[in-house]
Amino acid sequence: MAAASVIGYQVRSFPEMQASPVVFVVDDDVSVRESLELLIGHEGWQVETFESALEFLDRPRAPAPSCLVLDMSMPGLNGLELQKRVGVERPEMPIIFITGYGDIAMTVQAMKAGAVEFLTKPFSDESLLTAIRNAMERSRSLVGRIAELQGLKSRYAGLTSREREVFALVVTGLLNKEVGSELGISETTVKAHRGCVMRKMKAESLAELVNMAAHLRVTRRSIPSKPAHS
């Protein structure tokens, strides 16, 4: 499996990154949904259309790169309100807004909240397709980052209490002898725990372990006030 730089070091590609991308279209106008479904599907992407924001939210999270083509003005939950929900629940999904009229204040609000594009109808096919391509690249990167962080958290959860203590101190730059002194254990024991940490976290170097600690937010404060027995 090919390697890819995700959060600062080389990692394997994840199944989520290999899955077929999905374009979601949410618009209350059936003619718009049908025309966009044909256009987007013709480019080879999977397409799923929804009449309302609530209908879209009922759809389980997609385990693949994806983007959302979203109508700004809809009955019930409108585009901006759905954007807030997506930002929290599906942060890996970029949003492309489409609207029947231009509103500068609305556009600014949407872009500040992270929308990748804001298109006013009628827009050209190519402008939408270009926006989707850009959104998919962004989503692919975000999906990879999220998957890698989940993997790090899973590996960290597999460490013993003592290994977490050694992890937290080693990444601060302390020598094995200094770590042992702080934890009240021998240098030999520290080396053994350090080796286990490197193996379980799949870190090939101290620099890589430090990078992992930064993303996991592992610091000296992670150590309990009373060290566990080795």
Protein backbone atom coordinates (compact mmCIF):
# COMPACT_ATOMS: atom_id res chain seq x y z
CA MET A 1 0.00 0.00 0.00
CA ALA A 2 1.44 3.37 -0.97
CA ALA A 3 2.68 5.73 1.69
CA ALA A 4 1.30 9.23 2.06
CA SER A 5 2.37 12.15 4.22
CA VAL A 6 -0.64 12.92 6.38
CA ILE A 7 0.22 14.59 9.68
CA GLY A 8 3.90 15.20 9.34
CA TYR A 9 5.38 11.77 8.73
CA GLN A 10 5.00 8.85 6.32
CA VAL A 11 1.91 6.73 6.89
CA ARG A 12 0.05 4.11 4.91
CA SER A 13 -2.97 4.97 2.80
CA PHE A 14 -6.26 4.12 4.47
CA PRO A 15 -9.28 2.25 3.05
CA GLU A 16 -11.32 5.46 3.41
CA MET A 17 -8.91 7.22 1.04
CA GLN A 18 -9.27 4.45 -1.57
CA ALA A 19 -13.09 4.29 -1.48
CA SER A 20 -15.05 5.84 -4.34
CA PRO A 21 -15.71 9.56 -3.76
CA VAL A 22 -19.31 10.63 -3.26
CA VAL A 23 -20.92 13.95 -4.21
CA PHE A 24 -24.01 14.79 -2.16
CA VAL A 25 -26.52 17.24 -3.61
CA VAL A 26 -29.10 18.91 -1.37
CA ASP A 27 -31.65 21.09 -3.19
CA ASP A 28 -35.42 21.33 -2.83
CA ASP A 29 -35.83 21.85 -6.61
CA VAL A 30 -36.25 18.45 -8.28
CA SER A 31 -35.16 19.76 -11.70
CA VAL A 32 -31.88 21.03 -10.20
CA ARG A 33 -31.27 17.71 -8.43
CA GLU A 34 -31.87 15.73 -11.60
CA SER A 35 -29.68 17.93 -13.82
CA LEU A 36 -26.83 17.93 -11.30
CA GLU A 37 -27.10 14.18 -10.85
CA LEU A 38 -26.65 13.67 -14.60
CA LEU A 39 -23.78 16.18 -14.86
CA ILE A 40 -21.84 14.90 -11.87
CA GLY A 41 -22.50 11.24 -12.62
CA HIS A 42 -21.22 11.70 -16.17
CA GLU A 43 -17.84 12.71 -14.68
CA GLY A 44 -17.58 9.36 -12.91
CA TRP A 45 -18.42 10.37 -9.34
CA GLN A 46 -21.04 8.64 -7.24
CA VAL A 47 -23.98 11.00 -6.68
CA GLU A 48 -26.67 11.01 -4.02
CA THR A 49 -29.40 13.65 -4.02
CA PHE A 50 -31.65 14.88 -1.21
CA GLU A 51 -34.68 17.13 -1.14
CA SER A 52 -33.99 18.61 2.28
CA ALA A 53 -31.26 19.14 4.85
CA LEU A 54 -32.97 16.82 7.33
CA GLU A 55 -33.19 14.05 4.73
CA PHE A 56 -29.45 14.41 4.13
CA LEU A 57 -28.65 14.32 7.86
CA ASP A 58 -30.47 10.99 8.14
CA ARG A 59 -27.92 9.50 5.73
CA PRO A 60 -25.04 7.78 7.62
CA ARG A 61 -21.61 9.35 7.34
CA ALA A 62 -19.81 8.29 4.14
CA PRO A 63 -16.58 6.27 4.70
CA ALA A 64 -14.94 7.97 1.69
CA PRO A 65 -13.84 11.36 0.38
CA SER A 66 -16.95 13.41 -0.29
CA CYS A 67 -18.33 16.89 -0.80
CA LEU A 68 -21.69 18.56 -0.48
CA VAL A 69 -23.32 20.68 -3.19
CA LEU A 70 -25.80 22.65 -1.15
CA ASP A 71 -28.62 25.04 -2.02
CA MET A 72 -28.52 28.10 0.19
CA SER A 73 -32.26 28.76 0.47
CA MET A 74 -34.46 25.81 1.43
CA PRO A 75 -37.55 25.37 3.58
CA GLY A 76 -36.89 24.11 7.10
CA LEU A 77 -33.17 23.87 7.81
CA ASN A 78 -31.46 26.25 5.37
CA GLY A 79 -28.00 25.99 3.84
CA LEU A 80 -26.14 28.00 6.46
CA GLU A 81 -27.77 26.05 9.29
CA LEU A 82 -26.87 22.75 7.65
CA GLN A 83 -23.30 24.01 7.15
CA LYS A 84 -22.96 24.43 10.92
CA ARG A 85 -24.12 20.85 11.51
CA VAL A 86 -21.81 19.44 8.86
CA GLY A 87 -18.85 21.39 10.24
CA VAL A 88 -19.27 19.63 13.59
CA GLU A 89 -20.49 16.19 12.54
CA ARG A 90 -18.71 15.70 9.18
CA PRO A 91 -15.65 18.00 9.13
CA GLU A 92 -14.06 16.01 6.30
CA MET A 93 -16.86 17.09 3.90
CA PRO A 94 -16.25 20.41 2.07
CA ILE A 95 -19.30 22.40 1.00
CA ILE A 96 -20.04 24.07 -2.33
CA PHE A 97 -22.96 26.49 -2.07
CA ILE A 98 -25.31 27.19 -4.95
CA THR A 99 -27.96 29.89 -4.86
CA GLY A 100 -30.49 31.54 -7.14
CA TYR A 101 -29.46 35.01 -6.09
CA GLY A 102 -26.34 36.76 -4.91
CA ASP A 103 -26.12 38.01 -1.35
CA ILE A 104 -22.74 39.38 -0.30
CA ALA A 105 -23.38 39.08 3.44
CA MET A 106 -24.56 35.48 3.02
CA THR A 107 -21.57 34.65 0.83
CA VAL A 108 -19.12 36.08 3.35
CA GLN A 109 -20.77 34.15 6.18
CA ALA A 110 -20.62 30.88 4.23
CA MET A 111 -16.98 31.35 3.21
CA LYS A 112 -15.91 32.30 6.73
CA ALA A 113 -17.52 29.09 7.95
CA GLY A 114 -15.37 27.08 5.54
CA ALA A 115 -17.31 26.78 2.27
CA VAL A 116 -14.95 26.08 -0.63
CA GLU A 117 -17.09 27.79 -3.28
CA PHE A 118 -20.22 29.90 -3.66
CA LEU A 119 -21.88 29.70 -7.09
CA THR A 120 -24.79 31.85 -8.23
CA LYS A 121 -27.29 30.29 -10.63
CA PRO A 122 -27.01 30.04 -13.55
CA PHE A 123 -23.42 28.82 -13.33
CA SER A 124 -21.41 26.92 -15.94
CA ASP A 125 -21.00 23.18 -15.76
CA GLU A 126 -17.22 23.55 -15.69
CA SER A 127 -17.26 26.00 -12.75
CA LEU A 128 -19.17 23.46 -10.67
CA LEU A 129 -17.03 20.51 -11.78
CA THR A 130 -13.84 22.44 -11.00
CA ALA A 131 -15.20 23.28 -7.55
CA ILE A 132 -16.04 19.60 -6.97
CA ARG A 133 -12.55 18.47 -8.03
CA ASN A 134 -10.97 20.94 -5.59
CA ALA A 135 -13.36 19.90 -2.83
CA MET A 136 -12.58 16.21 -3.36
CA GLU A 137 -8.83 16.82 -3.06
CA ARG A 138 -9.44 18.68 0.18
CA SER A 139 -11.72 15.94 1.49
CA ARG A 140 -9.23 13.21 0.61
CA SER A 141 -6.59 14.99 2.69
CA LEU A 142 -8.98 15.53 5.61
CA VAL A 143 -10.17 11.91 5.56
CA GLY A 144 -6.55 10.77 5.71
CA ARG A 145 -5.76 13.04 8.63
CA ILE A 146 -8.80 11.91 10.59
CA ALA A 147 -8.09 8.21 9.92
CA GLU A 148 -4.46 8.56 10.96
CA LEU A 149 -5.37 10.39 14.16
CA GLN A 150 -7.87 7.66 15.01
CA GLY A 151 -5.12 5.11 14.44
CA LEU A 152 -2.76 7.00 16.75
CA LYS A 153 -5.40 7.17 19.46
CA SER A 154 -6.03 3.44 19.15
CA ARG A 155 -2.33 2.61 19.46
CA TYR A 156 -1.92 5.00 22.40
CA ALA A 157 -4.85 3.33 24.16
CA GLY A 158 -2.90 0.07 23.93
CA LEU A 159 -0.01 1.40 26.04
CA THR A 160 0.25 0.52 29.72
CA SER A 161 0.17 3.27 32.35
CA ARG A 162 3.94 3.08 32.77
CA GLU A 163 4.53 3.17 29.01
CA ARG A 164 2.42 6.33 28.79
CA GLU A 165 4.51 7.92 31.51
CA VAL A 166 7.74 7.04 29.73
CA PHE A 167 6.23 8.27 26.44
CA ALA A 168 5.28 11.63 27.97
CA LEU A 169 8.77 12.19 29.40
CA VAL A 170 10.87 10.86 26.53
CA VAL A 171 9.24 13.23 24.01
CA THR A 172 10.27 16.21 26.15
CA GLY A 173 13.89 15.40 25.39
CA LEU A 174 14.86 13.80 28.71
CA LEU A 175 17.53 11.11 28.67
CA ASN A 176 16.65 7.59 29.80
CA LYS A 177 18.55 8.18 33.04
CA GLU A 178 16.58 11.38 33.71
CA VAL A 179 13.27 9.66 32.94
CA GLY A 180 14.18 6.87 35.35
CA SER A 181 15.07 9.36 38.06
CA GLU A 182 11.75 11.15 37.69
CA LEU A 183 9.71 7.95 37.72
CA GLY A 184 11.80 6.15 40.34
CA ILE A 185 12.78 3.27 38.07
CA SER A 186 16.10 2.07 36.63
CA GLU A 187 17.56 3.25 33.34
CA THR A 188 17.37 -0.34 32.06
CA THR A 189 13.64 -0.44 32.82
CA VAL A 190 13.14 2.88 31.04
CA LYS A 191 14.90 1.50 27.96
CA ALA A 192 12.62 -1.54 27.98
CA HIS A 193 9.46 0.59 28.27
CA ARG A 194 10.75 3.01 25.64
CA GLY A 195 11.28 0.13 23.23
CA CYS A 196 7.72 -1.08 23.84
CA VAL A 197 6.36 2.42 23.23
CA MET A 198 8.23 2.74 19.93
CA ARG A 199 7.01 -0.67 18.81
CA LYS A 200 3.38 -0.25 19.86
CA MET A 201 3.15 3.28 18.41
CA LYS A 202 4.93 2.10 15.22
CA ALA A 203 7.40 4.97 15.49
CA GLU A 204 10.65 4.56 13.60
CA SER A 205 12.46 7.43 15.33
CA LEU A 206 12.24 9.73 18.33
CA ALA A 207 11.33 12.61 16.01
CA GLU A 208 8.36 10.61 14.74
CA LEU A 209 7.32 9.81 18.32
CA VAL A 210 7.51 13.52 19.21
CA ASN A 211 5.27 14.31 16.23
CA MET A 212 2.76 11.70 17.37
CA ALA A 213 2.78 13.13 20.90
CA ALA A 214 2.00 16.58 19.53
CA HIS A 215 -1.04 15.32 17.63
CA LEU A 216 -2.21 13.26 20.61
CA ARG A 217 -1.51 16.20 22.93
CA VAL A 218 0.63 14.02 25.17
CA THR A 219 2.64 16.22 27.55
CA ARG A 220 4.34 15.98 30.93
CA ARG A 221 0.95 16.87 32.42
CA SER A 222 -0.31 13.52 31.07
CA ILE A 223 1.59 11.81 33.89
CA PRO A 224 -0.49 11.00 37.02
CA SER A 225 0.62 12.72 40.22
CA LYS A 226 1.47 9.31 41.66
CA PRO A 227 3.48 7.20 39.19
CA ALA A 228 2.22 3.67 38.58
CA HIS A 229 4.37 0.74 39.69
CA SER A 230 6.54 -0.74 36.95
